């Protein structure tokens, strides 16, 4: 006679799997019980230096124009949009079919764009190609920032299916990219620390798109 597993246990196991997929890791189970996110008071956000958006390769310029307008309206932040940077082919890992974040950042630093000599300027490079961080055991990365104020963001994984199998709308794709951009602006430009608030774009544990989906767009 075969072992019979009670239906209630099966339901609980399936629910646990869905929650884990949704939250990214079982360690984020606390996110289900946190209080509502209270965004930063925009009037109290102050920073020095300029913020530059740098398109890498053929990244759509109209996307950055839209985001530039978004940050102007939402935070009163005047973002500067530079001319594109063409990365060297040496920045592409043929075996992985991905670009190396550190080498893309180096291409921006060497381009002279975005006032690289200014200590408080930050430069965010945008690519639609898949990227990874050299020396980190991840399959891919949404982005990476450096202490000198240069950061890289990729939109390649922003269309990853919701819960692993539900197609993502263009609106969700764009929202994910904005959240990562706001995350870098908040940390690099406004010097805001990462935190334990799952609904904040500055939540310190991002393992995949599911964390982005549970975040509010405000800092």
Protein backbone atom coordinates (compact mmCIF):
# COMPACT_ATOMS: atom_id res chain seq x y z
CA UNK A 1 0.00 0.00 0.00
CA UNK A 2 1.52 3.33 -1.07
CA UNK A 3 2.15 6.25 1.24
CA UNK A 4 -0.69 8.73 1.24
CA UNK A 5 0.15 12.36 1.88
CA UNK A 6 -2.71 14.40 3.39
CA UNK A 7 -4.14 16.99 1.03
CA UNK A 8 -3.54 19.75 3.59
CA UNK A 9 0.21 19.03 3.59
CA UNK A 10 0.32 19.08 -0.22
CA UNK A 11 -1.49 22.42 -0.25
CA UNK A 12 0.92 23.85 2.34
CA UNK A 13 3.94 22.63 0.37
CA UNK A 14 2.62 24.18 -2.85
CA UNK A 15 1.85 27.40 -1.01
CA UNK A 16 5.36 27.43 0.41
CA UNK A 17 6.85 26.98 -3.05
CA UNK A 18 4.74 29.83 -4.47
CA UNK A 19 5.66 32.15 -1.59
CA UNK A 20 9.35 31.32 -1.98
CA UNK A 21 9.22 32.01 -5.73
CA UNK A 22 7.35 35.25 -5.08
CA UNK A 23 9.67 36.48 -2.32
CA UNK A 24 12.86 35.11 -3.86
CA UNK A 25 14.03 33.37 -0.71
CA UNK A 26 12.37 31.87 2.36
CA UNK A 27 14.36 34.37 4.42
CA UNK A 28 12.12 37.09 3.04
CA UNK A 29 9.00 35.56 4.61
CA UNK A 30 9.04 38.52 7.00
CA UNK A 31 8.04 40.69 4.05
CA UNK A 32 4.50 39.35 4.33
CA UNK A 33 4.12 40.87 7.80
CA UNK A 34 5.85 44.22 7.48
CA UNK A 35 4.09 47.54 7.90
CA UNK A 36 3.26 49.69 4.90
CA UNK A 37 6.30 51.36 3.36
CA UNK A 38 6.70 55.05 4.22
CA UNK A 39 8.62 56.78 1.40
CA UNK A 40 11.30 59.38 1.92
CA UNK A 41 10.19 63.01 2.25
CA UNK A 42 11.31 64.47 -1.09
CA UNK A 43 11.77 67.89 0.49
CA UNK A 44 14.41 66.43 2.81
CA UNK A 45 16.45 64.80 0.05
CA UNK A 46 19.56 66.84 -0.65
CA UNK A 47 22.70 65.93 -2.60
CA UNK A 48 25.68 67.44 -4.35
CA UNK A 49 26.88 66.70 -7.85
CA UNK A 50 25.18 65.80 -11.11
CA UNK A 51 23.42 62.60 -12.17
CA UNK A 52 24.20 61.36 -15.67
CA UNK A 53 22.42 58.68 -17.68
CA UNK A 54 24.78 57.05 -20.16
CA UNK A 55 23.34 54.85 -22.92
CA UNK A 56 25.61 51.92 -23.74
CA UNK A 57 25.60 50.74 -27.34
CA UNK A 58 22.11 50.83 -28.85
CA UNK A 59 20.16 51.27 -25.61
CA UNK A 60 16.94 53.15 -26.55
CA UNK A 61 17.45 56.84 -25.97
CA UNK A 62 13.71 57.48 -25.70
CA UNK A 63 13.61 55.21 -22.62
CA UNK A 64 16.18 57.39 -20.89
CA UNK A 65 14.36 60.55 -21.99
CA UNK A 66 11.20 59.23 -20.32
CA UNK A 67 13.08 58.34 -17.14
CA UNK A 68 14.81 61.71 -17.14
CA UNK A 69 11.38 63.38 -17.15
CA UNK A 70 10.16 60.97 -14.43
CA UNK A 71 12.93 61.95 -12.00
CA UNK A 72 12.45 65.63 -12.74
CA UNK A 73 8.73 65.41 -11.92
CA UNK A 74 9.04 62.98 -9.01
CA UNK A 75 12.12 64.32 -7.22
CA UNK A 76 12.95 67.63 -8.87
CA UNK A 77 16.15 65.97 -10.05
CA UNK A 78 17.71 67.34 -13.24
CA UNK A 79 19.35 64.31 -14.85
CA UNK A 80 21.83 64.87 -17.69
CA UNK A 81 21.68 62.51 -20.67
CA UNK A 82 25.01 61.90 -22.42
CA UNK A 83 25.94 60.58 -25.82
CA UNK A 84 26.28 56.77 -26.13
CA UNK A 85 29.33 54.76 -25.12
CA UNK A 86 30.41 51.92 -27.38
CA UNK A 87 32.02 49.27 -25.17
CA UNK A 88 35.09 47.35 -26.33
CA UNK A 89 34.51 43.81 -27.54
CA UNK A 90 36.87 42.65 -24.81
CA UNK A 91 34.09 43.47 -22.33
CA UNK A 92 32.02 40.60 -23.76
CA UNK A 93 32.45 37.08 -22.39
CA UNK A 94 31.87 34.81 -25.38
CA UNK A 95 31.47 31.65 -23.27
CA UNK A 96 28.80 33.16 -21.05
CA UNK A 97 27.30 35.34 -23.80
CA UNK A 98 27.20 38.20 -21.31
CA UNK A 99 28.94 41.53 -20.81
CA UNK A 100 31.18 42.14 -17.80
CA UNK A 101 29.90 44.92 -15.55
CA UNK A 102 33.36 46.02 -14.44
CA UNK A 103 34.53 46.42 -18.04
CA UNK A 104 31.41 48.35 -19.03
CA UNK A 105 31.99 50.70 -16.10
CA UNK A 106 35.61 51.12 -17.16
CA UNK A 107 34.43 52.06 -20.67
CA UNK A 108 32.26 54.81 -19.18
CA UNK A 109 35.07 56.03 -16.92
CA UNK A 110 37.42 56.20 -19.90
CA UNK A 111 34.94 57.99 -22.15
CA UNK A 112 35.21 61.36 -20.43
CA UNK A 113 31.40 61.59 -20.30
CA UNK A 114 29.50 62.59 -17.20
CA UNK A 115 32.24 64.68 -15.56
CA UNK A 116 34.25 61.70 -14.22
CA UNK A 117 36.57 64.03 -12.31
CA UNK A 118 33.79 65.47 -10.15
CA UNK A 119 33.78 63.70 -6.75
CA UNK A 120 30.01 63.92 -6.30
CA UNK A 121 28.88 63.13 -9.85
CA UNK A 122 27.33 59.76 -10.52
CA UNK A 123 27.07 58.06 -13.92
CA UNK A 124 24.58 55.28 -14.56
CA UNK A 125 25.19 53.31 -17.74
CA UNK A 126 22.23 51.51 -19.29
CA UNK A 127 22.45 48.45 -21.50
CA UNK A 128 19.82 46.11 -22.94
CA UNK A 129 22.35 43.28 -23.02
CA UNK A 130 22.71 40.57 -20.38
CA UNK A 131 25.46 41.23 -17.82
CA UNK A 132 27.31 39.54 -14.98
CA UNK A 133 29.73 40.60 -12.28
CA UNK A 134 33.21 39.15 -12.61
CA UNK A 135 34.22 37.36 -9.42
CA UNK A 136 30.66 36.89 -8.15
CA UNK A 137 28.97 33.49 -8.43
CA UNK A 138 25.71 34.72 -9.96
CA UNK A 139 24.14 33.63 -13.25
CA UNK A 140 23.39 37.24 -14.11
CA UNK A 141 23.04 40.67 -12.54
CA UNK A 142 20.55 43.51 -12.80
CA UNK A 143 23.42 45.90 -12.25
CA UNK A 144 26.46 46.91 -10.26
CA UNK A 145 27.72 50.13 -8.74
CA UNK A 146 31.24 51.24 -7.89
CA UNK A 147 32.63 53.50 -5.20
CA UNK A 148 33.68 56.10 -7.78
CA UNK A 149 30.03 56.79 -8.65
CA UNK A 150 29.82 54.76 -11.86
CA UNK A 151 27.05 52.17 -12.08
CA UNK A 152 25.77 49.75 -14.72
CA UNK A 153 22.15 48.69 -15.19
CA UNK A 154 20.77 46.09 -17.59
CA UNK A 155 17.19 45.79 -18.81
CA UNK A 156 17.82 42.31 -20.25
CA UNK A 157 16.20 40.45 -17.33
CA UNK A 158 13.42 42.93 -16.61
CA UNK A 159 11.04 40.80 -18.70
CA UNK A 160 11.64 37.66 -16.63
CA UNK A 161 8.25 35.95 -16.13
CA UNK A 162 6.38 36.83 -12.95
CA UNK A 163 6.45 33.86 -10.53
CA UNK A 164 8.54 32.12 -13.16
CA UNK A 165 5.81 31.52 -15.71
CA UNK A 166 3.48 34.54 -16.10
CA UNK A 167 4.37 36.87 -18.97
CA UNK A 168 5.42 40.37 -17.96
CA UNK A 169 3.78 43.46 -19.42
CA UNK A 170 5.77 46.36 -20.79
CA UNK A 171 4.54 48.44 -17.84
CA UNK A 172 5.99 45.95 -15.34
CA UNK A 173 9.25 45.76 -17.31
CA UNK A 174 9.62 49.55 -17.21
CA UNK A 175 8.69 49.71 -13.53
CA UNK A 176 11.38 47.19 -12.66
CA UNK A 177 14.00 49.23 -14.50
CA UNK A 178 12.88 52.43 -12.78
CA UNK A 179 13.05 50.76 -9.38
CA UNK A 180 16.64 49.68 -9.94
CA UNK A 181 17.49 53.16 -11.22
CA UNK A 182 15.88 54.80 -8.19
CA UNK A 183 17.78 52.34 -6.00
CA UNK A 184 21.11 53.50 -7.40
CA UNK A 185 20.17 57.18 -7.33
CA UNK A 186 19.05 56.84 -3.73
CA UNK A 187 22.21 55.09 -2.61
CA UNK A 188 24.84 56.83 -4.74
CA UNK A 189 23.39 60.34 -5.13
CA UNK A 190 21.40 60.85 -1.94
CA UNK A 191 23.67 58.59 0.16
CA UNK A 192 20.73 56.63 1.57
CA UNK A 193 21.67 53.30 3.19
CA UNK A 194 20.23 49.94 2.20
CA UNK A 195 17.59 48.71 4.62
CA UNK A 196 15.41 45.78 5.75
CA UNK A 197 12.15 47.22 4.36
CA UNK A 198 11.04 44.77 1.67
CA UNK A 199 8.83 47.41 0.04
CA UNK A 200 11.66 49.93 -0.31
CA UNK A 201 13.78 50.20 -3.45
CA UNK A 202 16.70 50.25 -1.01
CA UNK A 203 15.85 46.80 0.36
CA UNK A 204 19.21 45.13 0.79
CA UNK A 205 18.30 41.62 -0.42
CA UNK A 206 17.48 41.43 -4.13
CA UNK A 207 17.73 37.91 -5.53
CA UNK A 208 15.57 38.28 -8.61
CA UNK A 209 12.66 40.10 -10.24
CA UNK A 210 10.23 39.00 -7.54
CA UNK A 211 11.84 41.37 -5.04
CA UNK A 212 11.48 44.23 -7.52
CA UNK A 213 7.79 43.43 -7.95
CA UNK A 214 7.09 43.69 -4.21
CA UNK A 215 8.80 47.09 -3.92
CA UNK A 216 7.15 50.49 -4.12
CA UNK A 217 8.65 52.86 -6.68
CA UNK A 218 9.33 55.62 -4.15
CA UNK A 219 12.53 55.70 -2.11
